Amino acid sequence: MFFSPDEVIRKRLLIDGDGAGDDRRINLLVKSFIKWCNSGSQEEGYSQYQRMLSTLSQCEFSMGKTLLVYDMNLREMENYEKIYKEIECSIAGAHEKIAECKKQILQAKRIRKNRQEYDALAKVIQHHPDRHETLKELEALGKELEHLSHIKESVEDKLELRRKQFHVLLSTIHELQQTLENDEKLSEVEEAQETSMDTDPKP
């Protein structure tokens, strides 16, 4: 029966578990044990005994490495979940700030409209026959206009700051996503290299 290369690799991975070469080591250990049992001389028996110890050591090392990788992956998952929640909170905060900035923009537009109306009213008042009252009203309007102008400048400054903060937030999110993708690709490459090294027959 003919098997395609993909089917051979798939069956190999199913037999090998995580692809660390444990089945090959176990087979070598069993063969070494059988040879050790059937060894004809003390030197041959000692040689097979040393091979069994070496194979056992490799199995223990592989198991320890697998446990370390598993623990590391658990910590990474917890860390990514924490970062994801922080990003969600930051995005929610950014939406709230954007909504607040929109309100401030509407307020600034109303202030601008009021200022235009005050300017038109001031022109009318200038032609009023009572100069004393007119001057008082103009002075009051001037102070109010100055106050409104300060409010407008403050609103515009806050809006510009919010825009910059939101841009920095989006840049940070993009960089984090790129870092996560790079980490995932690097992990896949390392696992592929380890699989290739473990499955290559030793000389």
C-alpha atoms as a PDB file:
ATOM      1  CA  MET A   1       0.000   0.000   0.000  1.00  0.00           C
ATOM      2  CA  PHE A   2       1.355   3.412  -0.981  1.00  0.00           C
ATOM      3  CA  PHE A   3       1.164   6.355   1.445  1.00  0.00           C
ATOM      4  CA  SER A   4       1.652   9.984   0.451  1.00  0.00           C
ATOM      5  CA  PRO A   5       4.350  12.004   2.304  1.00  0.00           C
ATOM      6  CA  ASP A   6       1.637  13.957   4.188  1.00  0.00           C
ATOM      7  CA  GLU A   7      -0.001  10.736   5.384  1.00  0.00           C
ATOM      8  CA  VAL A   8       3.352   9.341   6.495  1.00  0.00           C
ATOM      9  CA  ILE A   9       4.135  12.502   8.478  1.00  0.00           C
ATOM     10  CA  ARG A  10       0.632  12.535   9.986  1.00  0.00           C
ATOM     11  CA  LYS A  11       0.883   8.903  11.121  1.00  0.00           C
ATOM     12  CA  ARG A  12       4.374   9.553  12.460  1.00  0.00           C
ATOM     13  CA  LEU A  13       3.162  12.489  14.557  1.00  0.00           C
ATOM     14  CA  LEU A  14       0.188  10.485  15.852  1.00  0.00           C
ATOM     15  CA  ILE A  15       2.499   7.690  16.968  1.00  0.00           C
ATOM     16  CA  ASP A  16       5.149  10.051  18.325  1.00  0.00           C
ATOM     17  CA  GLY A  17       2.814  12.091  20.526  1.00  0.00           C
ATOM     18  CA  ASP A  18       4.159  15.650  20.565  1.00  0.00           C
ATOM     19  CA  GLY A  19       6.817  14.850  17.973  1.00  0.00           C
ATOM     20  CA  ALA A  20       9.705  14.824  20.437  1.00  0.00           C
ATOM     21  CA  GLY A  21      10.980  11.372  19.357  1.00  0.00           C
ATOM     22  CA  ASP A  22       9.799   9.598  22.521  1.00  0.00           C
ATOM     23  CA  ASP A  23       8.565   6.511  20.656  1.00  0.00           C
ATOM     24  CA  ARG A  24      11.992   6.085  19.042  1.00  0.00           C
ATOM     25  CA  ARG A  25      13.730   6.383  22.402  1.00  0.00           C
ATOM     26  CA  ILE A  26      11.365   3.848  23.953  1.00  0.00           C
ATOM     27  CA  ASN A  27      11.970   1.435  21.080  1.00  0.00           C
ATOM     28  CA  LEU A  28      15.723   1.889  21.514  1.00  0.00           C
ATOM     29  CA  LEU A  29      15.349   1.307  25.249  1.00  0.00           C
ATOM     30  CA  VAL A  30      13.401  -1.919  24.687  1.00  0.00           C
ATOM     31  CA  LYS A  31      15.923  -3.129  22.108  1.00  0.00           C
ATOM     32  CA  SER A  32      18.801  -2.284  24.453  1.00  0.00           C
ATOM     33  CA  PHE A  33      17.101  -4.140  27.278  1.00  0.00           C
ATOM     34  CA  ILE A  34      16.605  -7.225  25.087  1.00  0.00           C
ATOM     35  CA  LYS A  35      20.241  -7.100  23.944  1.00  0.00           C
ATOM     36  CA  TRP A  36      21.341  -6.642  27.544  1.00  0.00           C
ATOM     37  CA  CYS A  37      19.325  -9.705  28.568  1.00  0.00           C
ATOM     38  CA  ASN A  38      20.829 -11.714  25.698  1.00  0.00           C
ATOM     39  CA  SER A  39      24.354 -10.328  26.023  1.00  0.00           C
ATOM     40  CA  GLY A  40      26.998 -13.034  25.862  1.00  0.00           C
ATOM     41  CA  SER A  41      29.822 -11.254  27.628  1.00  0.00           C
ATOM     42  CA  GLN A  42      30.180  -8.874  30.542  1.00  0.00           C
ATOM     43  CA  GLU A  43      31.585  -6.146  28.336  1.00  0.00           C
ATOM     44  CA  GLU A  44      28.669  -6.356  25.920  1.00  0.00           C
ATOM     45  CA  GLY A  45      26.223  -6.365  28.842  1.00  0.00           C
ATOM     46  CA  TYR A  46      27.904  -3.328  30.368  1.00  0.00           C
ATOM     47  CA  SER A  47      27.784  -1.523  27.023  1.00  0.00           C
ATOM     48  CA  GLN A  48      24.052  -2.220  26.637  1.00  0.00           C
ATOM     49  CA  TYR A  49      23.509  -1.116  30.241  1.00  0.00           C
ATOM     50  CA  GLN A  50      25.201   2.216  29.539  1.00  0.00           C
ATOM     51  CA  ARG A  51      23.051   2.668  26.428  1.00  0.00           C
ATOM     52  CA  MET A  52      19.899   2.058  28.470  1.00  0.00           C
ATOM     53  CA  LEU A  53      21.001   4.653  31.036  1.00  0.00           C
ATOM     54  CA  SER A  54      21.688   7.147  28.252  1.00  0.00           C
ATOM     55  CA  THR A  55      18.281   6.530  26.656  1.00  0.00           C
ATOM     56  CA  LEU A  56      16.537   6.879  30.025  1.00  0.00           C
ATOM     57  CA  SER A  57      18.377  10.134  30.606  1.00  0.00           C
ATOM     58  CA  GLN A  58      17.208  11.440  27.226  1.00  0.00           C
ATOM     59  CA  CYS A  59      13.601  10.472  28.000  1.00  0.00           C
ATOM     60  CA  GLU A  60      13.763  12.234  31.380  1.00  0.00           C
ATOM     61  CA  PHE A  61      15.284  15.318  29.773  1.00  0.00           C
ATOM     62  CA  SER A  62      12.604  15.351  27.059  1.00  0.00           C
ATOM     63  CA  MET A  63       9.847  15.014  29.662  1.00  0.00           C
ATOM     64  CA  GLY A  64      11.333  17.812  31.766  1.00  0.00           C
ATOM     65  CA  LYS A  65      11.644  20.059  28.737  1.00  0.00           C
ATOM     66  CA  THR A  66       8.047  19.354  27.751  1.00  0.00           C
ATOM     67  CA  LEU A  67       6.837  20.257  31.250  1.00  0.00           C
ATOM     68  CA  LEU A  68       8.828  23.489  31.198  1.00  0.00           C
ATOM     69  CA  VAL A  69       7.380  24.437  27.811  1.00  0.00           C
ATOM     70  CA  TYR A  70       3.889  23.614  29.060  1.00  0.00           C
ATOM     71  CA  ASP A  71       4.321  25.797  32.176  1.00  0.00           C
ATOM     72  CA  MET A  72       5.765  28.603  30.068  1.00  0.00           C
ATOM     73  CA  ASN A  73       2.813  28.427  27.668  1.00  0.00           C
ATOM     74  CA  LEU A  74       0.378  28.614  30.579  1.00  0.00           C
ATOM     75  CA  ARG A  75       2.124  31.731  31.918  1.00  0.00           C
ATOM     76  CA  GLU A  76       2.161  33.280  28.460  1.00  0.00           C
ATOM     77  CA  MET A  77      -1.564  32.616  28.031  1.00  0.00           C
ATOM     78  CA  GLU A  78      -2.302  34.243  31.382  1.00  0.00           C
ATOM     79  CA  ASN A  79      -0.120  37.207  30.437  1.00  0.00           C
ATOM     80  CA  TYR A  80      -1.823  37.584  27.050  1.00  0.00           C
ATOM     81  CA  GLU A  81      -5.249  37.437  28.668  1.00  0.00           C
ATOM     82  CA  LYS A  82      -4.206  40.159  31.093  1.00  0.00           C
ATOM     83  CA  ILE A  83      -2.880  42.319  28.258  1.00  0.00           C
ATOM     84  CA  TYR A  84      -6.050  41.705  26.244  1.00  0.00           C
ATOM     85  CA  LYS A  85      -8.231  42.853  29.148  1.00  0.00           C
ATOM     86  CA  GLU A  86      -6.060  45.947  29.597  1.00  0.00           C
ATOM     87  CA  ILE A  87      -6.413  46.746  25.891  1.00  0.00           C
ATOM     88  CA  GLU A  88     -10.181  46.325  26.102  1.00  0.00           C
ATOM     89  CA  CYS A  89     -10.300  48.706  29.064  1.00  0.00           C
ATOM     90  CA  SER A  90      -8.105  51.208  27.202  1.00  0.00           C
ATOM     91  CA  ILE A  91     -10.327  51.040  24.118  1.00  0.00           C
ATOM     92  CA  ALA A  92     -13.447  51.542  26.235  1.00  0.00           C
ATOM     93  CA  GLY A  93     -11.771  54.523  27.905  1.00  0.00           C
ATOM     94  CA  ALA A  94     -10.795  55.915  24.513  1.00  0.00           C
ATOM     95  CA  HIS A  95     -14.400  55.665  23.311  1.00  0.00           C
ATOM     96  CA  GLU A  96     -15.560  57.543  26.398  1.00  0.00           C
ATOM     97  CA  LYS A  97     -12.961  60.245  25.810  1.00  0.00           C
ATOM     98  CA  ILE A  98     -14.006  60.538  22.157  1.00  0.00           C
ATOM     99  CA  ALA A  99     -17.636  60.943  23.210  1.00  0.00           C
ATOM    100  CA  GLU A 100     -16.595  63.634  25.692  1.00  0.00           C
ATOM    101  CA  CYS A 101     -14.555  65.386  23.009  1.00  0.00           C
ATOM    102  CA  LYS A 102     -17.578  65.403  20.698  1.00  0.00           C
ATOM    103  CA  LYS A 103     -19.588  67.094  23.423  1.00  0.00           C
ATOM    104  CA  GLN A 104     -16.837  69.660  23.852  1.00  0.00           C
ATOM    105  CA  ILE A 105     -16.791  70.287  20.092  1.00  0.00           C
ATOM    106  CA  LEU A 106     -20.535  70.958  20.126  1.00  0.00           C
ATOM    107  CA  GLN A 107     -20.028  73.313  23.039  1.00  0.00           C
ATOM    108  CA  ALA A 108     -17.257  75.098  21.148  1.00  0.00           C
ATOM    109  CA  LYS A 109     -19.550  75.496  18.134  1.00  0.00           C
ATOM    110  CA  ARG A 110     -22.237  77.002  20.336  1.00  0.00           C
ATOM    111  CA  ILE A 111     -19.661  79.354  21.821  1.00  0.00           C
ATOM    112  CA  ARG A 112     -18.584  80.405  18.342  1.00  0.00           C
ATOM    113  CA  LYS A 113     -22.176  81.039  17.310  1.00  0.00           C
ATOM    114  CA  ASN A 114     -22.791  83.058  20.458  1.00  0.00           C
ATOM    115  CA  ARG A 115     -19.647  85.050  19.821  1.00  0.00           C
ATOM    116  CA  GLN A 116     -20.804  85.910  16.330  1.00  0.00           C
ATOM    117  CA  GLU A 117     -24.152  86.995  17.716  1.00  0.00           C
ATOM    118  CA  TYR A 118     -22.413  89.070  20.384  1.00  0.00           C
ATOM    119  CA  ASP A 119     -20.252  90.720  17.737  1.00  0.00           C
ATOM    120  CA  ALA A 120     -23.326  91.633  15.719  1.00  0.00           C
ATOM    121  CA  LEU A 121     -25.032  92.917  18.837  1.00  0.00           C
ATOM    122  CA  ALA A 122     -21.984  94.971  19.772  1.00  0.00           C
ATOM    123  CA  LYS A 123     -22.079  96.688  16.382  1.00  0.00           C
ATOM    124  CA  VAL A 124     -25.720  97.609  16.957  1.00  0.00           C
ATOM    125  CA  ILE A 125     -25.010  98.867  20.459  1.00  0.00           C
ATOM    126  CA  GLN A 126     -22.237 101.104  19.214  1.00  0.00           C
ATOM    127  CA  HIS A 127     -24.846 103.191  17.399  1.00  0.00           C
ATOM    128  CA  HIS A 128     -27.064 103.449  20.456  1.00  0.00           C
ATOM    129  CA  PRO A 129     -27.645 107.051  21.579  1.00  0.00           C
ATOM    130  CA  ASP A 130     -26.900 106.366  25.306  1.00  0.00           C
ATOM    131  CA  ARG A 131     -23.107 106.124  25.237  1.00  0.00           C
ATOM    132  CA  HIS A 132     -22.715 105.590  28.978  1.00  0.00           C
ATOM    133  CA  GLU A 133     -24.927 102.535  29.076  1.00  0.00           C
ATOM    134  CA  THR A 134     -23.570 101.375  25.776  1.00  0.00           C
ATOM    135  CA  LEU A 135     -19.989 101.501  27.077  1.00  0.00           C
ATOM    136  CA  LYS A 136     -20.963  99.522  30.147  1.00  0.00           C
ATOM    137  CA  GLU A 137     -22.659  96.888  28.028  1.00  0.00           C
ATOM    138  CA  LEU A 138     -19.726  96.741  25.643  1.00  0.00           C
ATOM    139  CA  GLU A 139     -17.340  96.288  28.552  1.00  0.00           C
ATOM    140  CA  ALA A 140     -19.434  93.458  29.946  1.00  0.00           C
ATOM    141  CA  LEU A 141     -19.694  91.858  26.524  1.00  0.00           C
ATOM    142  CA  GLY A 142     -15.940  92.186  26.052  1.00  0.00           C
ATOM    143  CA  LYS A 143     -15.268  90.341  29.316  1.00  0.00           C
ATOM    144  CA  GLU A 144     -17.756  87.640  28.419  1.00  0.00           C
ATOM    145  CA  LEU A 145     -16.232  87.266  24.968  1.00  0.00           C
ATOM    146  CA  GLU A 146     -12.774  86.994  26.490  1.00  0.00           C
ATOM    147  CA  HIS A 147     -14.026  84.354  28.905  1.00  0.00           C
ATOM    148  CA  LEU A 148     -15.704  82.424  26.107  1.00  0.00           C
ATOM    149  CA  SER A 149     -12.540  82.691  24.048  1.00  0.00           C
ATOM    150  CA  HIS A 150     -10.509  81.144  26.884  1.00  0.00           C
ATOM    151  CA  ILE A 151     -13.078  78.358  27.199  1.00  0.00           C
ATOM    152  CA  LYS A 152     -12.862  77.700  23.470  1.00  0.00           C
ATOM    153  CA  GLU A 153      -9.065  77.584  23.537  1.00  0.00           C
ATOM    154  CA  SER A 154      -9.175  75.203  26.511  1.00  0.00           C
ATOM    155  CA  VAL A 155     -11.649  72.935  24.723  1.00  0.00           C
ATOM    156  CA  GLU A 156      -9.537  72.943  21.560  1.00  0.00           C
ATOM    157  CA  ASP A 157      -6.386  72.110  23.551  1.00  0.00           C
ATOM    158  CA  LYS A 158      -8.148  69.217  25.290  1.00  0.00           C
ATOM    159  CA  LEU A 159      -9.469  67.933  21.991  1.00  0.00           C
ATOM    160  CA  GLU A 160      -5.993  67.992  20.431  1.00  0.00           C
ATOM    161  CA  LEU A 161      -4.568  66.169  23.466  1.00  0.00           C
ATOM    162  CA  ARG A 162      -7.265  63.476  23.237  1.00  0.00           C
ATOM    163  CA  ARG A 163      -6.510  63.000  19.552  1.00  0.00           C
ATOM    164  CA  LYS A 164      -2.818  62.501  20.271  1.00  0.00           C
ATOM    165  CA  GLN A 165      -3.550  60.077  23.131  1.00  0.00           C
ATOM    166  CA  PHE A 166      -5.892  58.059  20.948  1.00  0.00           C
ATOM    167  CA  HIS A 167      -3.266  57.909  18.175  1.00  0.00           C
ATOM    168  CA  VAL A 168      -0.654  56.641  20.666  1.00  0.00           C
ATOM    169  CA  LEU A 169      -3.121  54.040  21.932  1.00  0.00           C
ATOM    170  CA  LEU A 170      -3.823  52.746  18.420  1.00  0.00           C
ATOM    171  CA  SER A 171      -0.072  52.588  17.685  1.00  0.00           C
ATOM    172  CA  THR A 172       0.516  50.617  20.898  1.00  0.00           C
ATOM    173  CA  ILE A 173      -2.256  48.158  20.033  1.00  0.00           C
ATOM    174  CA  HIS A 174      -0.786  47.658  16.547  1.00  0.00           C
ATOM    175  CA  GLU A 175       2.727  47.061  17.951  1.00  0.00           C
ATOM    176  CA  LEU A 176       1.371  44.595  20.510  1.00  0.00           C
ATOM    177  CA  GLN A 177      -0.493  42.650  17.828  1.00  0.00           C
ATOM    178  CA  GLN A 178       2.688  42.548  15.710  1.00  0.00           C
ATOM    179  CA  THR A 179       4.708  41.311  18.745  1.00  0.00           C
ATOM    180  CA  LEU A 180       2.178  38.561  19.435  1.00  0.00           C
ATOM    181  CA  GLU A 181       2.268  37.437  15.794  1.00  0.00           C
ATOM    182  CA  ASN A 182       6.097  37.430  15.797  1.00  0.00           C
ATOM    183  CA  ASP A 183       6.181  35.413  19.041  1.00  0.00           C
ATOM    184  CA  GLU A 184       3.762  32.884  17.588  1.00  0.00           C
ATOM    185  CA  LYS A 185       5.794  32.557  14.371  1.00  0.00           C
ATOM    186  CA  LEU A 186       9.049  32.198  16.361  1.00  0.00           C
ATOM    187  CA  SER A 187       7.479  29.501  18.545  1.00  0.00           C
ATOM    188  CA  GLU A 188       6.330  27.598  15.455  1.00  0.00           C
ATOM    189  CA  VAL A 189       9.824  27.810  13.920  1.00  0.00           C
ATOM    190  CA  GLU A 190      11.470  26.585  17.147  1.00  0.00           C
ATOM    191  CA  GLU A 191       9.034  23.685  17.443  1.00  0.00           C
ATOM    192  CA  ALA A 192       9.656  22.756  13.808  1.00  0.00           C
ATOM    193  CA  GLN A 193      13.433  22.839  14.359  1.00  0.00           C
ATOM    194  CA  GLU A 194      13.152  20.689  17.494  1.00  0.00           C
ATOM    195  CA  THR A 195      10.942  18.201  15.649  1.00  0.00           C
ATOM    196  CA  SER A 196      13.414  18.022  12.768  1.00  0.00           C
ATOM    197  CA  MET A 197      16.383  17.502  15.112  1.00  0.00           C
ATOM    198  CA  ASP A 198      14.593  14.832  17.148  1.00  0.00           C
ATOM    199  CA  THR A 199      13.311  12.867  14.154  1.00  0.00           C
ATOM    200  CA  ASP A 200      16.667  12.855  12.276  1.00  0.00           C
ATOM    201  CA  PRO A 201      18.435   9.469  12.770  1.00  0.00           C
ATOM    202  CA  LYS A 202      21.604   9.680  14.805  1.00  0.00           C
ATOM    203  CA  PRO A 203      24.827   8.326  13.193  1.00  0.00           C
END
